[in-house]
Amino acid sequence: MDKLDSAYKTIGEVAEILKLKSNKNGILPTHTIRFWETQFKQIKPKILNANRRYYDENCINLLKKVKFLLKDQGMTINGVKKILNSGESLELDEMANNSIKADNLRNKLVKISKIVKNLKNFK
C-alpha cells in the first residue's frame, strides 16, 4: 500500500524520492539529508518519538530544490543559502528553465568568441 502524497515521509523515503545514490551496501545516504538540515534553516522536519524525522510535502519540495542546486547545478552551500534566504519562490521547473537558458547563452557566447578569434587570425 502506497502512502498518500500528502502523508509525512520518513527520511529513508525522502532519500528514495530525491534519488540519492545508495552506497555499496544498498543503504540510502540519509546522512546527506541530515547534513542539509544543519545547513539550511528552512528544512524543518517533524521530529517525533525516538528522534525519528518525518517530512511533509513542503519540506520535500525544499529538499528537491536544494539537491537540484547543489548536485545538478554545482552551486555551493553558501550560494544555495543566498537563494533560499532571498525569499524568491522559484519552482524547480523555473530553476531548470533558467539554467538551460543560461547554458544556451553561455554556449552562444563561446561560439561568438571563437568566431571573433578566427576573424582576428584571418587578418
N, C-alpha and C. Protein backbone atom coordinates (compact mmCIF):
# COMPACT_ATOMS: atom_id res chain seq x y z
N MET A 1 0.85 -1.18 0.00
CA MET A 1 0.00 0.00 0.00
C MET A 1 0.90 1.24 0.00
N ASP A 2 0.69 2.13 -0.95
CA ASP A 2 1.47 3.35 -1.05
C ASP A 2 0.87 4.43 -0.16
N LYS A 3 1.76 5.29 0.34
CA LYS A 3 1.30 6.41 1.13
C LYS A 3 0.73 7.48 0.21
N LEU A 4 -0.19 8.25 0.75
CA LEU A 4 -0.68 9.40 0.01
C LEU A 4 0.45 10.40 -0.17
N ASP A 5 0.39 11.19 -1.24
CA ASP A 5 1.42 12.20 -1.48
C ASP A 5 1.48 13.21 -0.35
N SER A 6 0.33 13.46 0.29
CA SER A 6 0.30 14.47 1.35
C SER A 6 0.74 13.91 2.71
N ALA A 7 0.95 12.60 2.80
CA ALA A 7 1.34 11.99 4.07
C ALA A 7 2.80 12.31 4.37
N TYR A 8 3.13 12.31 5.65
CA TYR A 8 4.52 12.51 6.06
C TYR A 8 5.36 11.32 5.62
N LYS A 9 6.59 11.61 5.22
CA LYS A 9 7.51 10.57 4.76
C LYS A 9 8.68 10.46 5.73
N THR A 10 9.23 9.25 5.82
CA THR A 10 10.41 9.05 6.66
C THR A 10 11.64 9.53 5.89
N ILE A 11 12.76 9.63 6.58
CA ILE A 11 13.98 10.10 5.94
C ILE A 11 14.44 9.13 4.84
N GLY A 12 14.22 7.85 5.03
CA GLY A 12 14.57 6.86 4.00
C GLY A 12 13.72 7.03 2.75
N GLU A 13 12.43 7.28 2.95
CA GLU A 13 11.54 7.50 1.81
C GLU A 13 11.93 8.77 1.06
N VAL A 14 12.33 9.80 1.80
CA VAL A 14 12.75 11.05 1.17
C VAL A 14 14.03 10.83 0.37
N ALA A 15 14.96 10.04 0.90
CA ALA A 15 16.19 9.74 0.17
C ALA A 15 15.88 9.02 -1.14
N GLU A 16 14.87 8.15 -1.13
CA GLU A 16 14.44 7.48 -2.37
C GLU A 16 13.80 8.47 -3.33
N ILE A 17 12.95 9.35 -2.81
CA ILE A 17 12.29 10.36 -3.65
C ILE A 17 13.33 11.25 -4.32
N LEU A 18 14.35 11.63 -3.57
CA LEU A 18 15.39 12.51 -4.10
C LEU A 18 16.38 11.76 -4.99
N LYS A 19 16.25 10.43 -5.02
CA LYS A 19 17.16 9.58 -5.80
C LYS A 19 18.62 9.81 -5.41
N LEU A 20 18.84 9.90 -4.10
CA LEU A 20 20.21 9.99 -3.61
C LEU A 20 20.86 8.63 -3.84
N LYS A 21 22.10 8.63 -4.23
CA LYS A 21 22.77 7.38 -4.58
C LYS A 21 23.03 6.53 -3.35
N SER A 22 22.73 5.25 -3.49
CA SER A 22 23.00 4.30 -2.41
C SER A 22 24.47 3.98 -2.36
N ASN A 23 24.94 3.66 -1.16
CA ASN A 23 26.33 3.24 -1.06
C ASN A 23 26.44 1.76 -1.44
N LYS A 24 27.60 1.18 -1.30
CA LYS A 24 27.86 -0.20 -1.73
C LYS A 24 26.93 -1.21 -1.07
N ASN A 25 26.56 -0.96 0.17
CA ASN A 25 25.72 -1.90 0.91
C ASN A 25 24.24 -1.74 0.61
N GLY A 26 23.88 -0.81 -0.24
CA GLY A 26 22.48 -0.58 -0.56
C GLY A 26 21.76 0.28 0.46
N ILE A 27 22.50 0.86 1.39
CA ILE A 27 21.89 1.72 2.41
C ILE A 27 21.79 3.13 1.84
N LEU A 28 20.61 3.71 1.93
CA LEU A 28 20.42 5.06 1.40
C LEU A 28 21.18 6.07 2.24
N PRO A 29 21.78 7.07 1.60
CA PRO A 29 22.60 8.07 2.32
C PRO A 29 21.74 9.13 3.01
N THR A 30 21.09 8.71 4.07
CA THR A 30 20.24 9.65 4.80
C THR A 30 21.06 10.71 5.52
N HIS A 31 22.36 10.44 5.71
CA HIS A 31 23.21 11.43 6.38
C HIS A 31 23.29 12.72 5.57
N THR A 32 23.14 12.62 4.25
CA THR A 32 23.16 13.82 3.40
C THR A 32 21.99 14.73 3.76
N ILE A 33 20.83 14.15 3.93
CA ILE A 33 19.65 14.94 4.28
C ILE A 33 19.82 15.56 5.66
N ARG A 34 20.35 14.79 6.60
CA ARG A 34 20.57 15.33 7.95
C ARG A 34 21.58 16.48 7.91
N PHE A 35 22.62 16.36 7.07
CA PHE A 35 23.59 17.45 6.94
C PHE A 35 22.91 18.69 6.36
N TRP A 36 22.08 18.51 5.33
CA TRP A 36 21.38 19.66 4.74
C TRP A 36 20.50 20.35 5.78
N GLU A 37 19.92 19.58 6.69
CA GLU A 37 19.10 20.17 7.75
C GLU A 37 19.93 21.11 8.61
N THR A 38 21.20 20.76 8.85
CA THR A 38 22.05 21.63 9.68
C THR A 38 22.46 22.89 8.92
N GLN A 39 22.51 22.81 7.60
CA GLN A 39 22.98 23.94 6.80
C GLN A 39 21.87 24.90 6.38
N PHE A 40 20.67 24.38 6.19
CA PHE A 40 19.56 25.19 5.69
C PHE A 40 18.45 25.23 6.73
N LYS A 41 18.28 26.39 7.34
CA LYS A 41 17.32 26.52 8.43
C LYS A 41 15.88 26.33 7.98
N GLN A 42 15.64 26.42 6.66
CA GLN A 42 14.29 26.27 6.13
C GLN A 42 13.80 24.82 6.16
N ILE A 43 14.74 23.88 6.24
CA ILE A 43 14.37 22.46 6.27
C ILE A 43 14.06 22.09 7.71
N LYS A 44 12.77 21.89 7.98
CA LYS A 44 12.33 21.62 9.36
C LYS A 44 11.41 20.40 9.38
N PRO A 45 11.98 19.20 9.50
CA PRO A 45 11.10 18.03 9.60
C PRO A 45 10.47 17.96 10.99
N LYS A 46 9.39 17.22 11.07
CA LYS A 46 8.82 16.94 12.39
C LYS A 46 9.67 15.84 13.01
N ILE A 47 10.12 16.08 14.23
CA ILE A 47 10.91 15.06 14.93
C ILE A 47 10.06 14.54 16.08
N LEU A 48 9.70 13.26 15.95
CA LEU A 48 8.80 12.66 16.93
C LEU A 48 9.55 11.61 17.74
N ASN A 49 8.82 10.65 18.25
CA ASN A 49 9.37 9.65 19.18
C ASN A 49 10.68 9.05 18.66
N ALA A 50 11.62 8.92 19.55
CA ALA A 50 12.94 8.33 19.28
C ALA A 50 13.70 9.09 18.19
N ASN A 51 13.50 10.40 18.14
CA ASN A 51 14.20 11.27 17.18
C ASN A 51 13.99 10.86 15.72
N ARG A 52 12.86 10.29 15.42
CA ARG A 52 12.55 9.94 14.03
C ARG A 52 12.06 11.19 13.30
N ARG A 53 12.59 11.37 12.08
CA ARG A 53 12.24 12.54 11.27
C ARG A 53 11.11 12.19 10.31
N TYR A 54 10.17 13.12 10.19
CA TYR A 54 9.06 12.97 9.25
C TYR A 54 8.95 14.25 8.45
N TYR A 55 8.89 14.10 7.13
CA TYR A 55 8.92 15.24 6.21
C TYR A 55 7.58 15.40 5.52
N ASP A 56 7.10 16.65 5.49
CA ASP A 56 5.86 16.93 4.77
C ASP A 56 6.20 17.32 3.33
N GLU A 57 5.17 17.55 2.55
CA GLU A 57 5.34 17.85 1.12
C GLU A 57 6.17 19.11 0.89
N ASN A 58 5.95 20.16 1.68
CA ASN A 58 6.72 21.40 1.52
C ASN A 58 8.20 21.18 1.80
N CYS A 59 8.49 20.42 2.82
CA CYS A 59 9.88 20.12 3.19
C CYS A 59 10.55 19.30 2.09
N ILE A 60 9.83 18.35 1.53
CA ILE A 60 10.37 17.52 0.45
C ILE A 60 10.65 18.38 -0.78
N ASN A 61 9.75 19.30 -1.10
CA ASN A 61 9.97 20.18 -2.25
C ASN A 61 11.19 21.06 -2.04
N LEU A 62 11.38 21.52 -0.82
CA LEU A 62 12.56 22.32 -0.50
C LEU A 62 13.84 21.49 -0.65
N LEU A 63 13.79 20.24 -0.20
CA LEU A 63 14.94 19.35 -0.35
C LEU A 63 15.24 19.08 -1.83
N LYS A 64 14.19 18.99 -2.64
CA LYS A 64 14.39 18.80 -4.09
C LYS A 64 15.11 20.01 -4.69
N LYS A 65 14.73 21.21 -4.25
CA LYS A 65 15.40 22.42 -4.73
C LYS A 65 16.86 22.43 -4.32
N VAL A 66 17.10 22.09 -3.06
CA VAL A 66 18.47 22.07 -2.55
C VAL A 66 19.31 21.06 -3.34
N LYS A 67 18.77 19.88 -3.55
CA LYS A 67 19.50 18.85 -4.30
C LYS A 67 19.77 19.33 -5.72
N PHE A 68 18.77 19.91 -6.37
CA PHE A 68 18.94 20.40 -7.74
C PHE A 68 20.05 21.43 -7.81
N LEU A 69 20.03 22.39 -6.90
CA LEU A 69 21.01 23.46 -6.94
C LEU A 69 22.42 22.96 -6.58
N LEU A 70 22.52 22.08 -5.59
CA LEU A 70 23.83 21.58 -5.17
C LEU A 70 24.39 20.55 -6.14
N LYS A 71 23.61 19.54 -6.44
CA LYS A 71 24.11 18.40 -7.21
C LYS A 71 24.06 18.64 -8.71
N ASP A 72 22.93 19.15 -9.21
CA ASP A 72 22.77 19.30 -10.66
C ASP A 72 23.41 20.59 -11.18
N GLN A 73 23.31 21.66 -10.41
CA GLN A 73 23.84 22.94 -10.87
C GLN A 73 25.24 23.22 -10.35
N GLY A 74 25.70 22.44 -9.39
CA GLY A 74 27.05 22.60 -8.87
C GLY A 74 27.26 23.84 -8.03
N MET A 75 26.19 24.33 -7.43
CA MET A 75 26.32 25.52 -6.59
C MET A 75 26.95 25.14 -5.25
N THR A 76 27.44 26.16 -4.56
CA THR A 76 27.98 25.94 -3.23
C THR A 76 26.84 26.05 -2.21
N ILE A 77 27.13 25.60 -1.01
CA ILE A 77 26.12 25.71 0.06
C ILE A 77 25.78 27.17 0.31
N ASN A 78 26.79 28.04 0.33
CA ASN A 78 26.53 29.46 0.55
C ASN A 78 25.68 30.05 -0.57
N GLY A 79 25.91 29.62 -1.80
CA GLY A 79 25.10 30.11 -2.92
C GLY A 79 23.65 29.70 -2.78
N VAL A 80 23.42 28.45 -2.38
CA VAL A 80 22.05 27.97 -2.18
C VAL A 80 21.40 28.71 -1.01
N LYS A 81 22.17 28.96 0.04
CA LYS A 81 21.63 29.72 1.18
C LYS A 81 21.16 31.09 0.74
N LYS A 82 21.94 31.75 -0.12
CA LYS A 82 21.55 33.08 -0.60
C LYS A 82 20.24 33.02 -1.37
N ILE A 83 20.09 31.99 -2.20
CA ILE A 83 18.85 31.86 -2.97
C ILE A 83 17.68 31.60 -2.04
N LEU A 84 17.86 30.69 -1.07
CA LEU A 84 16.76 30.36 -0.16
C LEU A 84 16.42 31.54 0.75
N ASN A 85 17.43 32.30 1.16
CA ASN A 85 17.20 33.44 2.05
C ASN A 85 16.65 34.66 1.32
N SER A 86 16.78 34.67 -0.01
CA SER A 86 16.32 35.84 -0.77
C SER A 86 14.80 35.93 -0.80
N GLY A 87 14.14 34.83 -0.49
CA GLY A 87 12.69 34.86 -0.47
C GLY A 87 12.05 34.62 -1.83
N GLU A 88 12.87 34.42 -2.85
CA GLU A 88 12.31 34.13 -4.17
C GLU A 88 11.70 32.74 -4.13
N SER A 89 10.51 32.62 -4.64
CA SER A 89 9.83 31.33 -4.61
C SER A 89 9.96 30.65 -5.96
N LEU A 90 11.18 30.42 -6.39
CA LEU A 90 11.40 29.76 -7.67
C LEU A 90 10.98 28.30 -7.58
N GLU A 91 10.23 27.87 -8.55
CA GLU A 91 9.87 26.47 -8.64
C GLU A 91 11.00 25.73 -9.33
N LEU A 92 11.06 24.41 -9.14
CA LEU A 92 12.12 23.62 -9.75
C LEU A 92 12.12 23.76 -11.27
N ASP A 93 10.94 23.74 -11.89
CA ASP A 93 10.87 23.86 -13.35
C ASP A 93 11.42 25.20 -13.80
N GLU A 94 11.09 26.25 -13.05
CA GLU A 94 11.57 27.58 -13.38
C GLU A 94 13.09 27.65 -13.22
N MET A 95 13.61 27.02 -12.16
CA MET A 95 15.06 26.99 -11.96
C MET A 95 15.75 26.26 -13.11
N ALA A 96 15.19 25.13 -13.50
CA ALA A 96 15.77 24.34 -14.59
C ALA A 96 15.73 25.13 -15.89
N ASN A 97 14.59 25.80 -16.16
CA ASN A 97 14.48 26.60 -17.38
C ASN A 97 15.50 27.72 -17.39
N ASN A 98 15.65 28.41 -16.26
CA ASN A 98 16.63 29.49 -16.17
C ASN A 98 18.03 28.94 -16.38
N SER A 99 18.29 27.77 -15.86
CA SER A 99 19.61 27.15 -16.01
C SER A 99 19.87 26.81 -17.48
N ILE A 100 18.86 26.26 -18.15
CA ILE A 100 19.00 25.92 -19.57
C ILE A 100 19.22 27.18 -20.40
N LYS A 101 18.47 28.23 -20.08
CA LYS A 101 18.64 29.50 -20.80
C LYS A 101 20.05 30.04 -20.60
N ALA A 102 20.55 29.96 -19.38
CA ALA A 102 21.91 30.44 -19.10
C ALA A 102 22.94 29.60 -19.85
N ASP A 103 22.75 28.29 -19.89
CA ASP A 103 23.67 27.42 -20.62
C ASP A 103 23.65 27.73 -22.11
N ASN A 104 22.44 27.94 -22.66
CA ASN A 104 22.32 28.28 -24.08
C ASN A 104 23.04 29.60 -24.37
N LEU A 105 22.85 30.59 -23.53
CA LEU A 105 23.50 31.87 -23.70
C LEU A 105 25.02 31.71 -23.62
N ARG A 106 25.48 30.94 -22.65
CA ARG A 106 26.91 30.70 -22.48
C ARG A 106 27.49 30.04 -23.73
N ASN A 107 26.77 29.04 -24.27
CA ASN A 107 27.24 28.36 -25.48
C ASN A 107 27.30 29.31 -26.67
N LYS A 108 26.32 30.19 -26.80
CA LYS A 108 26.31 31.16 -27.89
C LYS A 108 27.48 32.13 -27.75
N LEU A 109 27.76 32.56 -26.52
CA LEU A 109 28.88 33.48 -26.31
C LEU A 109 30.21 32.82 -26.63
N VAL A 110 30.35 31.54 -26.31
CA VAL A 110 31.58 30.81 -26.63
C VAL A 110 31.75 30.73 -28.15
N LYS A 111 30.65 30.44 -28.85
CA LYS A 111 30.72 30.36 -30.31
C LYS A 111 31.10 31.71 -30.91
N ILE A 112 30.51 32.78 -30.39
CA ILE A 112 30.82 34.12 -30.89
C ILE A 112 32.28 34.46 -30.64
N SER A 113 32.78 34.12 -29.46
CA SER A 113 34.18 34.43 -29.16
C SER A 113 35.12 33.64 -30.07
N LYS A 114 34.76 32.39 -30.42
CA LYS A 114 35.58 31.61 -31.35
C LYS A 114 35.58 32.24 -32.74
N ILE A 115 34.43 32.73 -33.16
CA ILE A 115 34.33 33.38 -34.47
C ILE A 115 35.19 34.64 -34.49
N VAL A 116 35.14 35.42 -33.41
CA VAL A 116 35.94 36.64 -33.33
C VAL A 116 37.43 36.29 -33.36
N LYS A 117 37.83 35.26 -32.64
CA LYS A 117 39.25 34.83 -32.66
C LYS A 117 39.66 34.41 -34.06
N ASN A 118 38.80 33.67 -34.73
CA ASN A 118 39.11 33.23 -36.11
C ASN A 118 39.23 34.43 -37.05
N LEU A 119 38.36 35.43 -36.84
CA LEU A 119 38.44 36.64 -37.69
C LEU A 119 39.73 37.40 -37.43
N LYS A 120 40.15 37.47 -36.19
CA LYS A 120 41.41 38.15 -35.85
C LYS A 120 42.59 37.42 -36.47
N ASN A 121 42.56 36.08 -36.43
CA ASN A 121 43.63 35.27 -37.02
C ASN A 121 43.62 35.37 -38.54
N PHE A 122 42.46 35.58 -39.14
CA PHE A 122 42.31 35.67 -40.58
C PHE A 122 43.00 36.91 -41.13
N LYS A 123 42.97 38.00 -40.35
CA LYS A 123 43.58 39.25 -40.79
C LYS A 123 45.04 39.05 -40.86
